[in-house]
Amino acid sequence: EAFFRIDTVGWALMEMNELEDSLIQIDAGLKRLSGLDAGNDEIRDLTVWGHALKSKVLLKSGKSDKAEAILGKVIPVPSTPIVRHRVLLVQGDLYLERKKYKEAIRAYEAANQISHAYGGEKTIEAYFNLGIAYVENQQFEKAAAAFEKMLYQKNKANPIELIYYHYGMARLFAKKGDWAYALYSSQEALHLAASWEQSISIRDEAEKFNQFIKNKIQSQK
């Protein structure tokens, strides 16, 4: 039950941007775990991940201080490589939010390195956020490479992978000042997001950035 509430329902609601409902499910899962044996490795792992996911949702809600406080308590707790990978990704997200790009890069790279030890994970956000950190640190070649890693089968990439890829490239082109390419990539991301039947949390951010690009182009005329 705890696993289902945290890793399935809580995660899915977060992805749909239903952040308050996501927190309710995660808290319910953590409450269920609180009465169980804390010395059990599986219970400890799920507890660490539950708190890290709660931190991630709070970060998305704009409550970075609360997110940092929760994450700070679980970072030192021993956990399996899979959970450690996820905790480091959330830490990277926190650094990215605070505009500490070099620290974010280190956290994301460490997370991806850990995942390679057990075969790697097909995680879109891990490479997307790493790419954004590279963009902001003006490491453009590394950023492009990170975005391409999201396309696990380039000729058969799914819509979500392509949405994140094109939006990431829009951010890259904009940072370089290539506004025409940035607008094209941004429009591609939004077109795919509009045709995707399910809600996707990145869509609102992509729409705001698309308007930013349009305003920038208009101001240069």
Protein backbone atom coordinates (compact mmCIF):
# COMPACT_ATOMS: atom_id res chain seq x y z
CA GLU A 1 0.00 0.00 0.00
CA ALA A 2 2.76 2.46 0.92
CA PHE A 3 4.66 1.70 -2.28
CA PHE A 4 1.50 2.15 -4.36
CA ARG A 5 0.62 5.47 -2.71
CA ILE A 6 4.15 6.89 -2.99
CA ASP A 7 5.72 5.48 -6.13
CA THR A 8 2.63 5.02 -8.29
CA VAL A 9 -0.22 7.36 -7.35
CA GLY A 10 1.93 10.08 -5.77
CA TRP A 11 4.33 10.10 -8.72
CA ALA A 12 1.57 10.05 -11.33
CA LEU A 13 -0.28 12.95 -9.70
CA MET A 14 2.95 14.94 -9.60
CA GLU A 15 3.47 14.33 -13.32
CA MET A 16 -0.08 15.57 -13.96
CA ASN A 17 0.71 18.69 -11.89
CA GLU A 18 -1.87 17.72 -9.25
CA LEU A 19 0.62 18.64 -6.56
CA GLU A 20 -1.65 18.90 -3.50
CA ASP A 21 -3.21 15.51 -4.22
CA SER A 22 0.26 14.07 -4.79
CA LEU A 23 1.39 15.25 -1.35
CA ILE A 24 -1.71 13.73 0.26
CA GLN A 25 -0.90 10.32 -1.25
CA ILE A 26 2.80 10.50 -0.37
CA ASP A 27 2.03 11.49 3.22
CA ALA A 28 -0.45 8.64 3.50
CA GLY A 29 2.21 6.23 2.29
CA LEU A 30 4.79 7.57 4.72
CA LYS A 31 2.28 7.30 7.58
CA ARG A 32 1.72 3.65 6.67
CA LEU A 33 5.47 3.06 6.81
CA SER A 34 5.92 4.82 10.15
CA GLY A 35 4.40 1.90 12.02
CA LEU A 36 6.65 -0.71 10.43
CA ASP A 37 10.16 -1.97 11.21
CA ALA A 38 12.56 0.87 10.39
CA GLY A 39 15.45 -1.61 10.40
CA ASN A 40 14.07 -3.42 7.38
CA ASP A 41 16.05 -2.44 4.26
CA GLU A 42 12.99 -2.25 1.98
CA ILE A 43 11.05 -0.12 4.45
CA ARG A 44 14.05 2.18 4.93
CA ASP A 45 14.49 2.54 1.16
CA LEU A 46 10.84 3.36 0.56
CA THR A 47 10.83 5.82 3.47
CA VAL A 48 13.86 7.62 2.05
CA TRP A 49 12.31 7.71 -1.41
CA GLY A 50 8.95 8.88 -0.04
CA HIS A 51 10.57 11.85 1.67
CA ALA A 52 12.71 12.62 -1.40
CA LEU A 53 9.62 12.53 -3.63
CA LYS A 54 7.77 14.77 -1.18
CA SER A 55 10.71 17.16 -1.42
CA LYS A 56 10.45 17.09 -5.20
CA VAL A 57 6.72 17.87 -5.14
CA LEU A 58 7.25 20.72 -2.68
CA LEU A 59 9.97 22.09 -4.95
CA LYS A 60 7.54 22.03 -7.86
CA SER A 61 5.04 23.83 -5.61
CA GLY A 62 7.49 26.69 -5.08
CA LYS A 63 8.29 25.72 -1.50
CA SER A 64 12.02 25.26 -1.91
CA ASP A 65 12.90 25.88 1.75
CA LYS A 66 10.59 23.10 2.94
CA ALA A 67 11.90 20.87 0.16
CA GLU A 68 15.49 21.50 1.21
CA ALA A 69 14.73 20.79 4.88
CA ILE A 70 13.16 17.41 4.10
CA LEU A 71 15.83 16.42 1.60
CA GLY A 72 18.60 17.35 4.01
CA LYS A 73 17.33 14.75 6.49
CA VAL A 74 17.34 11.83 4.02
CA ILE A 75 20.53 12.53 2.03
CA PRO A 76 22.78 11.05 4.79
CA VAL A 77 20.58 7.94 5.23
CA PRO A 78 22.10 4.81 3.62
CA SER A 79 20.03 3.43 0.74
CA THR A 80 20.30 1.14 -2.27
CA PRO A 81 21.80 2.52 -5.52
CA ILE A 82 18.33 2.88 -7.11
CA VAL A 83 17.06 5.07 -4.28
CA ARG A 84 20.37 6.94 -4.01
CA HIS A 85 20.08 7.70 -7.72
CA ARG A 86 16.64 9.22 -7.18
CA VAL A 87 17.67 11.22 -4.12
CA LEU A 88 20.59 12.76 -6.03
CA LEU A 89 18.25 13.73 -8.86
CA VAL A 90 16.05 15.63 -6.42
CA GLN A 91 19.15 17.29 -4.96
CA GLY A 92 20.08 18.33 -8.50
CA ASP A 93 16.59 19.77 -8.97
CA LEU A 94 17.00 21.82 -5.80
CA TYR A 95 20.36 23.19 -6.96
CA LEU A 96 18.86 23.97 -10.37
CA GLU A 97 16.02 25.88 -8.72
CA ARG A 98 18.58 27.86 -6.70
CA LYS A 99 20.55 28.58 -9.89
CA LYS A 100 23.58 26.72 -8.53
CA TYR A 101 24.29 25.17 -11.90
CA LYS A 102 27.70 23.64 -11.23
CA GLU A 103 26.39 21.91 -8.09
CA ALA A 104 23.33 20.72 -10.05
CA ILE A 105 25.57 19.24 -12.74
CA ARG A 106 27.61 17.37 -10.14
CA ALA A 107 24.47 15.93 -8.52
CA TYR A 108 22.91 14.84 -11.84
CA GLU A 109 26.17 13.35 -13.12
CA ALA A 110 26.64 11.46 -9.85
CA ALA A 111 23.07 10.14 -10.08
CA ASN A 112 23.56 8.92 -13.63
CA GLN A 113 26.90 7.34 -12.73
CA ILE A 114 25.25 5.39 -9.91
CA SER A 115 22.49 4.18 -12.21
CA HIS A 116 25.05 2.81 -14.67
CA ALA A 117 26.25 0.45 -11.92
CA TYR A 118 22.95 -1.43 -12.10
CA GLY A 119 22.28 -1.10 -15.81
CA GLY A 120 21.05 2.47 -16.06
CA GLU A 121 17.54 3.92 -16.12
CA LYS A 122 15.45 5.34 -18.92
CA THR A 123 14.75 8.53 -17.04
CA ILE A 124 13.72 11.54 -19.11
CA GLU A 125 13.97 14.19 -16.41
CA ALA A 126 17.44 13.07 -15.34
CA TYR A 127 18.93 13.95 -18.71
CA PHE A 128 16.60 16.88 -19.37
CA ASN A 129 17.47 18.67 -16.14
CA LEU A 130 21.16 17.87 -16.59
CA GLY A 131 20.90 19.38 -20.06
CA ILE A 132 19.27 22.53 -18.69
CA ALA A 133 22.03 22.85 -16.09
CA TYR A 134 24.61 22.53 -18.89
CA VAL A 135 22.74 25.18 -20.92
CA GLU A 136 22.76 27.63 -18.03
CA ASN A 137 26.46 26.91 -17.49
CA GLN A 138 27.00 27.52 -21.24
CA GLN A 139 28.27 23.99 -21.91
CA PHE A 140 26.24 23.72 -25.08
CA GLU A 141 27.73 20.56 -26.62
CA LYS A 142 27.22 18.64 -23.39
CA ALA A 143 23.68 20.02 -23.16
CA ALA A 144 22.79 18.81 -26.66
CA ALA A 145 24.28 15.39 -25.88
CA ALA A 146 22.22 15.15 -22.68
CA PHE A 147 19.01 16.02 -24.52
CA GLU A 148 19.74 13.40 -27.18
CA LYS A 149 20.14 10.74 -24.50
CA MET A 150 16.43 11.16 -23.75
CA LEU A 151 15.67 9.71 -27.21
CA TYR A 152 16.31 6.09 -26.32
CA GLN A 153 15.24 4.93 -29.80
CA LYS A 154 15.82 7.92 -32.04
CA ASN A 155 13.72 6.60 -34.92
CA LYS A 156 10.90 5.55 -32.58
CA ALA A 157 11.01 8.21 -29.88
CA ASN A 158 7.73 8.55 -28.01
CA PRO A 159 5.87 11.90 -27.76
CA ILE A 160 6.97 12.64 -24.18
CA GLU A 161 10.64 12.15 -25.06
CA LEU A 162 10.23 14.44 -28.06
CA ILE A 163 8.41 17.13 -26.07
CA TYR A 164 11.24 17.32 -23.55
CA TYR A 165 13.86 17.11 -26.31
CA HIS A 166 12.47 19.98 -28.39
CA TYR A 167 11.82 22.15 -25.35
CA GLY A 168 15.37 21.50 -24.14
CA MET A 169 16.77 22.46 -27.53
CA ALA A 170 14.64 25.62 -27.49
CA ARG A 171 16.29 26.57 -24.21
CA LEU A 172 19.72 25.82 -25.68
CA PHE A 173 19.16 27.88 -28.85
CA ALA A 174 17.73 30.77 -26.84
CA LYS A 175 20.74 30.80 -24.54
CA LYS A 176 22.98 31.00 -27.62
CA GLY A 177 20.87 33.81 -29.05
CA ASP A 178 19.60 31.72 -32.00
CA TRP A 179 16.02 32.94 -31.60
CA ALA A 180 14.63 31.57 -34.88
CA TYR A 181 15.80 28.05 -34.06
CA ALA A 182 14.59 28.50 -30.49
CA LEU A 183 11.10 29.43 -31.72
CA TYR A 184 10.98 26.47 -34.12
CA SER A 185 11.98 24.00 -31.39
CA SER A 186 9.57 25.57 -28.91
CA GLN A 187 6.68 25.33 -31.38
CA GLU A 188 7.53 21.69 -32.04
CA ALA A 189 7.37 20.94 -28.31
CA LEU A 190 4.02 22.69 -27.94
CA HIS A 191 2.54 21.01 -30.99
CA LEU A 192 3.43 17.61 -29.57
CA ALA A 193 2.14 18.56 -26.12
CA ALA A 194 -1.17 19.72 -27.61
CA SER A 195 -1.62 16.42 -29.45
CA TRP A 196 -0.79 14.38 -26.34
CA GLU A 197 -4.07 13.34 -24.74
CA GLN A 198 -2.72 13.20 -21.20
CA SER A 199 -1.62 16.17 -19.12
CA ILE A 200 2.12 16.77 -18.89
CA SER A 201 3.67 19.04 -16.27
CA ILE A 202 6.28 20.59 -18.60
CA ARG A 203 3.61 22.05 -20.90
CA ASP A 204 2.89 25.23 -18.88
CA GLU A 205 6.59 26.01 -18.61
CA ALA A 206 7.07 25.42 -22.36
CA GLU A 207 4.17 27.74 -23.20
CA LYS A 208 5.59 30.55 -21.05
CA PHE A 209 9.02 30.10 -22.62
CA ASN A 210 7.50 30.13 -26.12
CA GLN A 211 5.90 33.50 -25.36
CA PHE A 212 9.22 34.76 -24.02
CA ILE A 213 10.90 33.83 -27.32
CA LYS A 214 8.16 35.56 -29.34
CA ASN A 215 8.50 38.72 -27.25
CA LYS A 216 12.27 38.64 -27.71
CA ILE A 217 11.99 38.31 -31.49
CA GLN A 218 9.36 41.07 -31.62
CA SER A 219 11.59 43.45 -29.61
CA GLN A 220 14.42 42.96 -32.10
CA LYS A 221 12.37 44.05 -35.11
